[in-house]
Protein backbone atom coordinates (compact mmCIF):
# COMPACT_ATOMS: atom_id res chain seq x y z
CA UNK A 1 -36.17 -101.79 50.01
CA UNK A 2 -35.80 -102.85 46.89
CA UNK A 3 -38.92 -104.92 45.16
CA UNK A 4 -37.85 -108.60 44.97
CA UNK A 5 -37.16 -110.36 40.69
CA UNK A 6 -39.91 -111.63 39.77
CA UNK A 7 -39.94 -114.45 37.43
CA UNK A 8 -42.43 -116.95 35.79
CA UNK A 9 -41.00 -120.11 34.82
CA UNK A 10 -43.38 -122.24 32.12
CA UNK A 11 -42.77 -125.98 31.62
CA UNK A 12 -44.43 -129.04 31.60
CA UNK A 13 -42.78 -130.88 33.50
CA UNK A 14 -41.98 -128.35 36.75
CA UNK A 15 -42.05 -130.82 39.00
CA UNK A 16 -39.02 -131.83 37.95
CA UNK A 17 -37.30 -128.46 38.07
CA UNK A 18 -37.68 -128.25 41.89
CA UNK A 19 -34.18 -128.18 43.22
CA UNK A 20 -33.72 -124.87 40.53
CA UNK A 21 -36.70 -122.58 41.78
CA UNK A 22 -35.21 -124.28 45.84
CA UNK A 23 -31.99 -122.46 44.34
CA UNK A 24 -33.39 -119.06 43.35
CA UNK A 25 -35.95 -118.18 46.12
CA UNK A 26 -32.53 -118.16 48.14
CA UNK A 27 -31.33 -115.69 46.61
CA UNK A 28 -34.31 -113.63 46.64
CA UNK A 29 -36.36 -114.55 43.29
CA UNK A 30 -39.41 -114.85 43.50
CA UNK A 31 -40.86 -118.08 41.61
CA UNK A 32 -44.44 -118.58 39.60
CA UNK A 33 -44.91 -121.66 38.36
CA UNK A 34 -46.67 -122.49 35.06
CA UNK A 35 -46.98 -126.16 33.10
CA UNK A 36 -48.61 -124.86 30.19
CA UNK A 37 -49.43 -121.62 27.62
CA UNK A 38 -53.02 -121.16 28.40
CA UNK A 39 -52.57 -121.02 31.84
CA UNK A 40 -48.57 -119.11 31.06
CA UNK A 41 -50.42 -116.47 28.80
CA UNK A 42 -53.01 -115.71 31.55
CA UNK A 43 -50.74 -114.86 33.84
CA UNK A 44 -48.07 -112.35 31.94
CA UNK A 45 -52.24 -110.74 31.24
CA UNK A 46 -52.91 -110.17 34.77
CA UNK A 47 -49.31 -109.81 36.15
CA UNK A 48 -45.62 -108.09 35.88
CA UNK A 49 -42.81 -110.07 35.31
CA UNK A 50 -39.07 -109.34 35.47
CA UNK A 51 -38.03 -112.84 32.87
CA UNK A 52 -39.81 -115.72 31.23
CA UNK A 53 -38.06 -119.32 31.30
CA UNK A 54 -40.30 -120.49 28.89
CA UNK A 55 -39.98 -124.65 27.50
CA UNK A 56 -40.18 -124.57 24.05
CA UNK A 57 -41.57 -128.74 23.90
CA UNK A 58 -44.72 -128.72 25.19
CA UNK A 59 -48.38 -130.26 24.87
CA UNK A 60 -51.08 -128.46 23.28
CA UNK A 61 -50.24 -124.93 22.78
CA UNK A 62 -45.92 -125.12 21.79
CA UNK A 63 -43.09 -122.84 23.00
CA UNK A 64 -42.80 -120.39 19.60
CA UNK A 65 -46.62 -120.50 19.78
CA UNK A 66 -47.25 -119.15 23.64
CA UNK A 67 -43.90 -116.91 23.15
CA UNK A 68 -45.38 -114.80 20.54
CA UNK A 69 -49.47 -114.07 21.99
CA UNK A 70 -46.16 -113.49 25.34
CA UNK A 71 -45.34 -110.86 23.45
CA UNK A 72 -48.08 -109.60 22.32
CA UNK A 73 -49.18 -108.67 25.91
CA UNK A 74 -45.69 -107.78 26.74
CA UNK A 75 -43.09 -106.75 23.64
CA UNK A 76 -40.05 -105.36 26.25
CA UNK A 77 -41.12 -108.73 29.02
CA UNK A 78 -37.74 -110.88 28.29
CA UNK A 79 -37.76 -114.70 27.99
CA UNK A 80 -35.73 -117.30 28.36
CA UNK A 81 -36.72 -120.04 25.40
CA UNK A 82 -35.49 -123.58 27.05
CA UNK A 83 -35.59 -126.58 24.88
CA UNK A 84 -34.50 -130.22 24.38
CA UNK A 85 -34.10 -129.38 20.54
CA UNK A 86 -31.24 -128.01 18.37
CA UNK A 87 -32.61 -128.09 15.33
CA UNK A 88 -31.03 -125.14 13.60
CA UNK A 89 -34.67 -124.17 12.17
CA UNK A 90 -36.74 -124.31 16.25
CA UNK A 91 -33.24 -121.89 16.90
CA UNK A 92 -33.57 -119.33 14.06
CA UNK A 93 -37.78 -118.72 14.21
CA UNK A 94 -37.28 -118.51 18.62
CA UNK A 95 -34.58 -115.63 17.42
CA UNK A 96 -36.97 -114.07 15.16
CA UNK A 97 -39.40 -114.66 17.69
CA UNK A 98 -37.69 -111.49 20.02
CA UNK A 99 -36.01 -114.17 22.41
CA UNK A 100 -33.91 -113.05 25.02
CA UNK A 101 -32.21 -115.91 25.12
CA UNK A 102 -31.68 -120.17 24.29
CA UNK A 103 -30.87 -122.76 27.16
CA UNK A 104 -29.90 -126.60 25.79
CA UNK A 105 -31.68 -128.91 28.63
CA UNK A 106 -30.48 -129.35 30.68
CA UNK A 107 -29.89 -126.54 32.28
CA UNK A 108 -28.20 -125.81 35.56
CA UNK A 109 -29.07 -123.59 38.18
CA UNK A 110 -26.17 -121.07 36.86
CA UNK A 111 -27.04 -121.13 34.07
CA UNK A 112 -30.45 -119.59 35.22
CA UNK A 113 -29.42 -117.79 37.14
CA UNK A 114 -26.45 -115.48 34.99
CA UNK A 115 -29.53 -115.37 32.58
CA UNK A 116 -31.04 -113.54 35.51
CA UNK A 117 -28.67 -111.02 35.60
CA UNK A 118 -27.62 -110.59 32.45
CA UNK A 119 -31.19 -109.32 31.26
CA UNK A 120 -32.67 -108.68 34.36
CA UNK A 121 -29.45 -106.90 36.24
CA UNK A 122 -27.85 -106.13 33.28
CA UNK A 123 -27.38 -102.34 33.48
CA UNK A 124 -27.50 -101.86 37.14
CA UNK A 125 -24.17 -104.34 36.92
CA UNK A 126 -22.41 -102.55 33.56
CA UNK A 127 -22.96 -99.84 35.20
CA UNK A 128 -21.00 -100.64 38.34
CA UNK A 129 -18.24 -101.99 36.79
CA UNK A 130 -17.97 -99.02 34.61
CA UNK A 131 -18.22 -96.57 37.75
CA UNK A 132 -15.62 -99.32 39.07
CA UNK A 133 -13.31 -99.15 35.87
CA UNK A 134 -13.44 -95.21 35.49
CA UNK A 135 -12.31 -95.17 39.33
CA UNK A 136 -9.23 -96.83 39.10
CA UNK A 137 -8.22 -95.33 34.82
CA UNK A 138 -9.34 -92.05 36.44
CA UNK A 139 -6.11 -91.24 38.51
CA UNK A 140 -3.97 -93.29 35.42
CA UNK A 141 -5.28 -90.81 33.11
CA UNK A 142 -4.45 -87.16 35.45
CA UNK A 143 -1.37 -88.61 35.92
CA UNK A 144 -0.92 -88.64 31.86
CA UNK A 145 -2.89 -85.04 31.35
CA UNK A 146 -0.42 -83.76 33.48
CA UNK A 147 2.44 -84.95 32.36
CA UNK A 148 1.31 -84.74 28.67
CA UNK A 149 4.01 -82.78 26.36
CA UNK A 150 3.57 -83.45 22.73
CA UNK A 151 0.92 -84.30 20.11
CA UNK A 152 0.79 -86.98 20.13
CA UNK A 153 0.68 -87.64 24.28
CA UNK A 154 -2.60 -86.00 23.47
CA UNK A 155 -4.56 -87.96 20.78
CA UNK A 156 -3.84 -90.86 22.98
CA UNK A 157 -5.31 -88.98 25.90
CA UNK A 158 -8.19 -87.65 23.57
CA UNK A 159 -8.72 -90.96 22.45
CA UNK A 160 -8.95 -93.14 26.02
CA UNK A 161 -11.25 -89.46 26.66
CA UNK A 162 -13.39 -90.44 23.74
CA UNK A 163 -13.84 -94.01 24.50
CA UNK A 164 -15.15 -93.49 28.16
CA UNK A 165 -17.34 -91.56 26.07
CA UNK A 166 -19.99 -93.78 24.50
CA UNK A 167 -18.47 -96.27 27.08
CA UNK A 168 -21.32 -94.82 29.22
CA UNK A 169 -23.52 -93.48 26.87
CA UNK A 170 -26.21 -95.28 28.67
CA UNK A 171 -24.61 -95.08 32.38
CA UNK A 172 -27.16 -93.77 34.60
CA UNK A 173 -25.18 -93.15 37.40
CA UNK A 174 -24.59 -89.31 37.45
CA UNK A 175 -22.05 -89.10 39.01
CA UNK A 176 -20.01 -91.62 36.68
CA UNK A 177 -21.18 -88.37 33.42
CA UNK A 178 -19.72 -85.78 36.05
CA UNK A 179 -16.20 -87.61 36.74
CA UNK A 180 -15.81 -88.19 32.81
CA UNK A 181 -16.81 -84.11 32.40
CA UNK A 182 -14.29 -82.65 34.66
CA UNK A 183 -12.28 -84.81 33.80
CA UNK A 184 -12.69 -83.34 30.05
CA UNK A 185 -12.63 -79.98 31.28
CA UNK A 186 -9.31 -80.65 33.00
CA UNK A 187 -7.63 -81.46 29.63
CA UNK A 188 -9.17 -79.09 28.28
CA UNK A 189 -7.00 -76.61 29.51
CA UNK A 190 -4.07 -78.33 29.51
CA UNK A 191 -4.46 -78.57 26.25
CA UNK A 192 -5.43 -75.20 25.96
CA UNK A 193 -1.95 -74.11 27.09
CA UNK A 194 -0.24 -76.82 25.44
CA UNK A 195 -2.06 -75.60 21.69
CA UNK A 196 -1.14 -71.60 23.08
CA UNK A 197 2.84 -72.81 23.15
CA UNK A 198 3.28 -74.61 20.72
CA UNK A 199 0.87 -74.28 17.74
CA UNK A 200 3.08 -70.98 16.77
CA UNK A 201 6.22 -73.07 16.66
CA UNK A 202 3.81 -75.92 13.86
CA UNK A 203 5.23 -73.36 11.21
CA UNK A 204 8.23 -73.39 11.53
CA UNK A 205 11.12 -75.78 9.46
CA UNK A 206 13.24 -76.70 12.29
CA UNK A 207 10.23 -77.67 15.13
CA UNK A 208 9.57 -81.76 13.97
CA UNK A 209 7.28 -82.22 17.11
CA UNK A 210 4.37 -81.01 14.67
CA UNK A 211 1.11 -83.07 13.30
CA UNK A 212 -0.56 -83.41 10.24
CA UNK A 213 -2.95 -80.31 9.71
CA UNK A 214 -5.42 -79.76 7.85
CA UNK A 215 -3.40 -77.45 4.98
CA UNK A 216 -1.71 -81.52 4.59
CA UNK A 217 -3.95 -83.88 4.75
CA UNK A 218 -4.56 -84.75 1.30
CA UNK A 219 -0.93 -84.19 0.51
CA UNK A 220 -0.33 -87.36 3.21
CA UNK A 221 -3.49 -89.29 3.45
CA UNK A 222 -5.39 -89.31 -0.26
CA UNK A 223 -3.20 -88.61 -3.06
CA UNK A 224 -0.32 -91.75 -2.23
CA UNK A 225 -4.08 -94.08 -2.56
CA UNK A 226 -4.64 -92.61 -6.07
CA UNK A 227 -0.48 -92.63 -7.17
CA UNK A 228 -0.70 -96.52 -5.90
CA UNK A 229 -3.01 -96.47 -8.63
CA UNK A 230 -6.16 -97.19 -5.97
CA UNK A 231 -10.15 -95.27 -6.96
CA UNK A 232 -10.66 -93.19 -3.55
CA UNK A 233 -14.18 -92.07 -2.42
CA UNK A 234 -13.20 -89.36 -0.52
CA UNK A 235 -15.76 -89.03 2.52
CA UNK A 236 -15.69 -84.76 4.40
CA UNK A 237 -18.43 -84.95 7.10
CA UNK A 238 -18.25 -81.57 8.54
CA UNK A 239 -17.99 -81.08 11.37
CA UNK A 240 -17.73 -84.43 12.76
CA UNK A 241 -15.70 -84.77 16.58
CA UNK A 242 -13.79 -88.70 16.82
CA UNK A 243 -15.76 -89.60 18.93
CA UNK A 244 -18.56 -88.80 16.30
CA UNK A 245 -17.17 -91.28 14.41
CA UNK A 246 -16.74 -94.17 16.44
CA UNK A 247 -20.29 -94.13 17.19
CA UNK A 248 -20.69 -94.71 13.69
CA UNK A 249 -17.70 -96.93 12.67
CA UNK A 250 -20.04 -100.29 13.84
CA UNK A 251 -22.43 -99.60 11.42
CA UNK A 252 -20.14 -100.16 8.30
CA UNK A 253 -18.18 -103.61 9.55
CA UNK A 254 -20.96 -105.93 7.56
CA UNK A 255 -18.85 -104.20 4.52
CA UNK A 256 -15.15 -102.48 5.52
CA UNK A 257 -12.06 -103.22 7.10
CA UNK A 258 -10.79 -99.66 9.18
CA UNK A 259 -6.94 -99.93 6.83
CA UNK A 260 -6.11 -97.10 9.09
CA UNK A 261 -8.06 -95.34 12.01
CA UNK A 262 -6.09 -92.22 12.73
CA UNK A 263 -6.06 -88.72 13.55
CA UNK A 264 -5.15 -85.34 12.46
CA UNK A 265 -5.32 -81.30 13.38
CA UNK A 266 -7.59 -79.29 12.16
CA UNK A 267 -4.98 -75.07 12.68
CA UNK A 268 -6.80 -72.25 13.94
CA UNK A 269 -10.12 -70.88 13.07
CA UNK A 270 -11.30 -74.52 13.43
CA UNK A 271 -13.70 -73.19 11.14
CA UNK A 272 -15.29 -74.40 8.18
CA UNK A 273 -14.06 -71.18 5.86
CA UNK A 274 -10.55 -71.80 7.02
CA UNK A 275 -9.62 -75.18 8.19
CA UNK A 276 -11.97 -76.34 4.89
CA UNK A 277 -10.97 -74.16 2.42
CA UNK A 278 -7.41 -75.45 3.87
CA UNK A 279 -7.59 -78.88 2.69
CA UNK A 280 -8.94 -78.91 -0.62
CA UNK A 281 -6.31 -76.24 -1.51
CA UNK A 282 -3.38 -77.58 0.69
CA UNK A 283 -2.53 -74.00 1.45
CA UNK A 284 -3.26 -72.30 4.80
CA UNK A 285 -6.04 -69.43 4.81
CA UNK A 286 -2.81 -66.43 3.97
CA UNK A 287 -2.11 -68.22 0.87
CA UNK A 288 -4.97 -68.92 -0.57
CA UNK A 289 -6.12 -65.22 0.32
CA UNK A 290 -3.01 -63.52 -2.10
CA UNK A 291 -3.36 -66.79 -4.95
CA UNK A 292 -6.95 -66.51 -5.78
CA UNK A 293 -7.93 -63.52 -4.02
CA UNK A 294 -11.33 -63.27 -6.46
CA UNK A 295 -12.15 -65.81 -4.42
CA UNK A 296 -10.99 -65.54 -0.56
CA UNK A 297 -14.58 -63.88 1.35
CA UNK A 298 -14.00 -62.37 4.30
CA UNK A 299 -15.32 -62.86 7.96
CA UNK A 300 -18.25 -60.49 7.68
CA UNK A 301 -18.74 -61.01 3.89
CA UNK A 302 -22.20 -62.45 3.15
CA UNK A 303 -21.49 -64.93 0.10
CA UNK A 304 -20.86 -68.17 1.26
CA UNK A 305 -17.47 -69.88 2.31
CA UNK A 306 -16.59 -72.73 1.08
CA UNK A 307 -17.90 -71.98 -2.89
CA UNK A 308 -15.03 -72.98 -4.09
CA UNK A 309 -13.51 -75.93 -2.76
CA UNK A 310 -14.05 -77.96 -6.39
CA UNK A 311 -11.35 -75.52 -8.04
CA UNK A 312 -9.26 -75.29 -5.39
CA UNK A 313 -8.36 -78.42 -5.74
CA UNK A 314 -7.93 -78.76 -8.80
CA UNK A 315 -5.60 -75.91 -8.43
CA UNK A 316 -3.63 -77.88 -5.96
CA UNK A 317 -3.56 -81.17 -8.20
CA UNK A 318 -2.07 -78.97 -10.59
CA UNK A 319 0.44 -77.71 -8.60
CA UNK A 320 1.67 -81.36 -7.30
CA UNK A 321 1.25 -82.42 -11.00
CA UNK A 322 -1.32 -84.64 -10.96
CA UNK A 323 -3.67 -86.10 -13.37
CA UNK A 324 -6.42 -87.67 -11.96
CA UNK A 325 -10.11 -87.97 -13.15
CA UNK A 326 -12.03 -85.64 -9.92
CA UNK A 327 -15.41 -85.90 -9.24
CA UNK A 328 -17.17 -83.39 -6.70
CA UNK A 329 -20.12 -83.50 -4.82
CA UNK A 330 -21.96 -81.70 -2.01
CA UNK A 331 -24.92 -81.63 -0.58
CA UNK A 332 -26.96 -82.88 2.86
CA UNK A 333 -27.53 -86.14 1.37
CA UNK A 334 -26.34 -87.80 -1.11
CA UNK A 335 -28.62 -87.16 -4.18
CA UNK A 336 -31.47 -87.86 -2.71
CA UNK A 337 -34.12 -90.69 -4.57
CA UNK A 338 -30.53 -91.57 -6.63
CA UNK A 339 -30.40 -94.83 -7.69
CA UNK A 340 -27.62 -96.18 -5.35
CA UNK A 341 -25.98 -97.55 -8.20
CA UNK A 342 -25.87 -94.56 -10.29
CA UNK A 343 -23.88 -92.68 -6.98
CA UNK A 344 -21.79 -95.59 -7.50
CA UNK A 345 -21.08 -95.15 -10.78
CA UNK A 346 -19.76 -91.39 -9.98
CA UNK A 347 -16.81 -93.49 -7.63
CA UNK A 348 -16.12 -96.28 -10.53
CA UNK A 349 -16.03 -93.53 -13.34
CA UNK A 350 -13.31 -91.23 -11.48
CA UNK A 351 -9.86 -91.68 -9.60
CA UNK A 352 -10.69 -90.19 -6.59
CA UNK A 353 -14.80 -89.16 -6.42
CA UNK A 354 -15.53 -86.03 -3.13
CA UNK A 355 -18.61 -86.32 -0.94
CA UNK A 356 -18.90 -82.72 0.72
CA UNK A 357 -21.32 -84.14 3.41
CA UNK A 358 -23.04 -81.30 5.69
CA UNK A 359 -25.72 -83.30 7.78
CA UNK A 360 -23.98 -82.78 11.52
CA UNK A 361 -23.20 -79.26 11.00
CA UNK A 362 -26.92 -78.56 10.12
CA UNK A 363 -27.69 -80.33 13.00
CA UNK A 364 -25.14 -78.33 15.50
CA UNK A 365 -26.91 -75.20 13.79
CA UNK A 366 -30.02 -76.58 14.35
CA UNK A 367 -30.24 -76.77 17.99
CA UNK A 368 -28.80 -73.15 18.79
CA UNK A 369 -32.17 -71.90 17.81
CA UNK A 370 -34.66 -75.42 17.69
CA UNK A 371 -35.53 -75.85 21.36
CA UNK A 372 -36.52 -79.00 20.05
CA UNK A 373 -33.12 -80.19 18.65
CA UNK A 374 -31.35 -78.79 22.07
CA UNK A 375 -34.51 -81.68 23.41
CA UNK A 376 -32.82 -83.85 21.44
CA UNK A 377 -29.30 -83.88 21.83
CA UNK A 378 -29.58 -82.13 25.12
CA UNK A 379 -25.72 -83.84 26.26
CA UNK A 380 -22.52 -84.99 25.07
CA UNK A 381 -24.18 -88.94 25.00
CA UNK A 382 -27.59 -87.99 23.10
CA UNK A 383 -25.34 -85.27 20.14
CA UNK A 384 -23.34 -88.98 19.39
CA UNK A 385 -26.64 -90.85 19.32
CA UNK A 386 -28.41 -87.92 16.71
CA UNK A 387 -25.61 -88.08 14.52
CA UNK A 388 -25.00 -92.03 15.02
CA UNK A 389 -28.96 -92.35 13.92
CA UNK A 390 -28.61 -89.88 11.29
CA UNK A 391 -25.77 -92.34 9.66
CA UNK A 392 -27.39 -95.69 9.96
CA UNK A 393 -30.64 -94.33 7.97
CA UNK A 394 -28.52 -92.09 6.72
CA UNK A 395 -28.51 -92.83 2.01
CA UNK A 396 -24.25 -92.49 2.95
CA UNK A 397 -24.70 -95.55 4.59
CA UNK A 398 -26.75 -97.19 1.83
CA UNK A 399 -24.07 -96.40 -0.50
CA UNK A 400 -21.29 -96.79 1.41
CA UNK A 401 -22.56 -100.61 1.93
CA UNK A 402 -23.12 -100.80 -1.81
CA UNK A 403 -19.75 -99.51 -3.10
CA UNK A 404 -17.79 -102.30 -0.82
CA UNK A 405 -18.35 -104.65 -3.20
CA UNK A 406 -16.09 -102.74 -5.97
CA UNK A 407 -12.63 -102.48 -5.54
CA UNK A 408 -11.79 -99.09 -4.02
CA UNK A 409 -11.27 -96.98 -0.84
CA UNK A 410 -12.88 -94.91 1.26
CA UNK A 411 -11.37 -91.63 3.68
CA UNK A 412 -13.38 -90.61 5.78
CA UNK A 413 -12.94 -87.49 7.10
CA UNK A 414 -13.82 -84.07 7.76
CA UNK A 415 -12.77 -80.32 8.55
CA UNK A 416 -13.61 -79.90 12.71
CA UNK A 417 -15.13 -80.89 15.03
CA UNK A 418 -17.31 -79.37 18.10
CA UNK A 419 -17.56 -78.46 21.44
CA UNK A 420 -20.34 -77.58 23.98
CA UNK A 421 -19.67 -74.38 25.70
CA UNK A 422 -20.38 -73.36 29.06
CA UNK A 423 -18.84 -70.17 30.25
CA UNK A 424 -19.54 -66.83 28.89
CA UNK A 425 -16.31 -64.10 28.77
CA UNK A 426 -16.26 -60.22 27.87
CA UNK A 427 -14.97 -59.76 24.48
CA UNK A 428 -15.52 -55.83 22.95
CA UNK A 429 -14.86 -55.35 19.41
CA UNK A 430 -16.16 -52.85 17.05
CA UNK A 431 -19.11 -53.53 13.61
CA UNK A 432 -16.98 -54.93 11.80
CA UNK A 433 -15.25 -57.75 14.50
CA UNK A 434 -16.61 -61.65 13.04
CA UNK A 435 -19.64 -62.97 14.67
CA UNK A 436 -18.19 -66.45 15.99
CA UNK A 437 -18.96 -67.29 19.24
CA UNK A 438 -15.11 -69.32 19.39
CA UNK A 439 -12.87 -66.75 17.59
CA UNK A 440 -12.31 -62.77 17.50
CA UNK A 441 -11.11 -61.35 13.77
CA UNK A 442 -11.50 -56.84 14.62
CA UNK A 443 -9.35 -54.54 15.22
CA UNK A 444 -8.69 -52.93 19.04
CA UNK A 445 -10.30 -55.74 20.54
CA UNK A 446 -10.87 -55.70 24.70
CA UNK A 447 -10.94 -58.86 26.71
CA UNK A 448 -8.60 -60.50 29.20
CA UNK A 449 -5.69 -62.19 28.33
CA UNK A 450 -5.52 -64.90 30.09
CA UNK A 451 -8.72 -66.40 28.76
CA UNK A 452 -7.93 -66.09 24.91
CA UNK A 453 -5.23 -67.30 22.73
CA UNK A 454 -4.31 -63.79 20.64
CA UNK A 455 -2.40 -63.41 17.67
CA UNK A 456 -1.75 -60.95 16.83
CA UNK A 457 -0.37 -60.42 13.68
CA UNK A 458 -2.09 -63.16 12.15
CA UNK A 459 0.46 -63.25 8.51
CA UNK A 460 2.07 -66.00 11.81
CA UNK A 461 -0.49 -68.15 11.41
CA UNK A 462 -0.82 -68.46 8.14
CA UNK A 463 -3.66 -66.43 8.17
CA UNK A 464 -5.26 -63.51 5.87
CA UNK A 465 -4.87 -59.51 7.96
CA UNK A 466 -8.52 -57.56 6.62
CA UNK A 467 -6.40 -54.54 8.20
CA UNK A 468 -3.19 -53.53 9.70
CA UNK A 469 -3.89 -53.58 12.80
CA UNK A 470 -6.50 -56.78 12.92
CA UNK A 471 -5.96 -59.73 15.12
CA UNK A 472 -7.30 -62.84 16.27
CA UNK A 473 -8.14 -64.50 19.74
CA UNK A 474 -9.62 -67.90 20.38
CA UNK A 475 -12.39 -69.39 23.59
CA UNK A 476 -10.74 -71.81 25.28
CA UNK A 477 -12.17 -75.29 26.69
CA UNK A 478 -15.88 -74.95 26.35
CA UNK A 479 -15.71 -70.31 26.62
CA UNK A 480 -17.46 -68.90 24.53
CA UNK A 481 -17.48 -64.65 24.06
CA UNK A 482 -20.19 -62.27 24.65
CA UNK A 483 -20.23 -58.96 23.97
CA UNK A 484 -21.47 -56.97 27.41
CA UNK A 485 -24.38 -55.11 26.22
CA UNK A 486 -27.16 -58.09 26.30
CA UNK A 487 -24.83 -59.84 28.12
CA UNK A 488 -26.51 -62.24 30.61
CA UNK A 489 -28.99 -62.74 27.14
CA UNK A 490 -26.97 -64.06 24.85
CA UNK A 491 -25.24 -65.79 27.57
CA UNK A 492 -27.41 -67.82 28.33
CA UNK A 493 -29.21 -68.13 24.99
CA UNK A 494 -26.16 -70.11 23.11
CA UNK A 495 -24.73 -71.00 26.88
CA UNK A 496 -24.71 -75.33 26.51
CA UNK A 497 -24.75 -75.06 22.37
CA UNK A 498 -22.59 -77.18 20.25
CA UNK A 499 -20.02 -74.46 19.19
CA UNK A 500 -16.75 -74.28 16.60
CA UNK A 501 -13.97 -71.92 16.00
CA UNK A 502 -11.92 -71.85 18.47
CA UNK A 503 -9.52 -74.94 21.08
CA UNK A 504 -10.41 -77.80 22.35
CA UNK A 505 -9.44 -81.57 21.75
CA UNK A 506 -12.67 -81.36 20.40
CA UNK A 507 -13.19 -79.17 18.16
CA UNK A 508 -8.83 -79.44 16.81
CA UNK A 509 -8.07 -83.49 16.66
CA UNK A 510 -10.13 -85.06 14.33
CA UNK A 511 -10.37 -88.18 12.30
CA UNK A 512 -9.35 -89.38 8.77
CA UNK A 513 -9.80 -93.04 8.35
CA UNK A 514 -9.55 -95.21 5.74
CA UNK A 515 -11.15 -98.34 4.54
CA UNK A 516 -10.53 -101.04 3.02
CA UNK A 517 -13.42 -103.78 1.38
CA UNK A 518 -14.26 -106.14 3.57
CA UNK A 519 -13.86 -109.18 1.75
């Protein structure tokens, strides 16, 4: 049997509220009464209340003074201030003292009941409503997933699934999370089939149904802004998923409005070496290797794979006849310790300022090797929350909010996303085979053909081909590659880690957002 909700009602004219109290008791609530602040504080000290209704204007200790002492004793106890006064300074003082709600006398019983439901039953009611709503939408989404035939269909599906991922992030109902996880897995299974049948056709000139890809991102989304005379700050956050962008978007509303909330498709492999170099070069990886053989780094080389982004960007601008003044910055954080105004000047003094932020990718890799990080980002909701917390307290957010005072555009994007891998599948390759868990590049690879997307001739996918017999394979959905040697150990070690390089909605459909100052 559920424990009844216990209410403390504090009012020097409590006898006049008898009908309100009877109304609540008839609905199963237990109500204790106090006629002054001193008695109320003593009751709070010695009892466990779920909510307090507190009169603001009482003799002796005022409502605000009583509120202050109650908060010292029970900081998380919701207190609803009830007052005759509508003066703004009284409201400001009450809100500043962390009241849960504010009611103006005379109050009716339904107002009281609504406050109780909002602040005591709120999470339970929201959880029940979300479960009901998703139950209705589940069948609609299932039908949409089964019928998807174009890239735009999959974009719409992923937007809806991401919205639900965020909406239930605080929902404690395990069955709801399991339903969403199952539907996401189903979507990724069919999305993988779609990519298998459509991806190679995107590189043929006669196919109209193809999305914007990495190699055309700047040409499509950034250069037109510059050509129209705008100053642009391009922020590329490595390994940022679309749902993570939607989680941090509300943290920018005080300075920016979203002019365009769009997505594009990362090329395969969905890995920094390939996808990000393609963005800056405006070329597919095969063309980069042929045009810049001295700076293309092979998978098996230890050297950093993205050390020449400014050179690639400069080359793209020269090919297109663009004469923008460009500044490029690459850091885990934005010049930590530098005054914000100095960072802003980097933007104001150039047509295009590029900032590459690696924190999310670093956090993803750290989670693989650190048990503490695995606890902090134990599932999708926790991972999204961690990204949001980072952004909320980051130099990047401070700089973006400061930059909103100036007449510039901001483009926020990424090179690829990531997926939490669950299912190990066996693959065999020689020592020269690449080490990524979501794709393999090598010779004489042995695998189950039903479990991978194989590109036997990499050049047909505009990918470099180290040897005549080299081929790529890409993992679907939440699969990841493990060698047979010590299979169980590595399967256990990497299961539930966030990886990228393969085929999934989370890795391939990624944000490109244009912000304009919110004036």
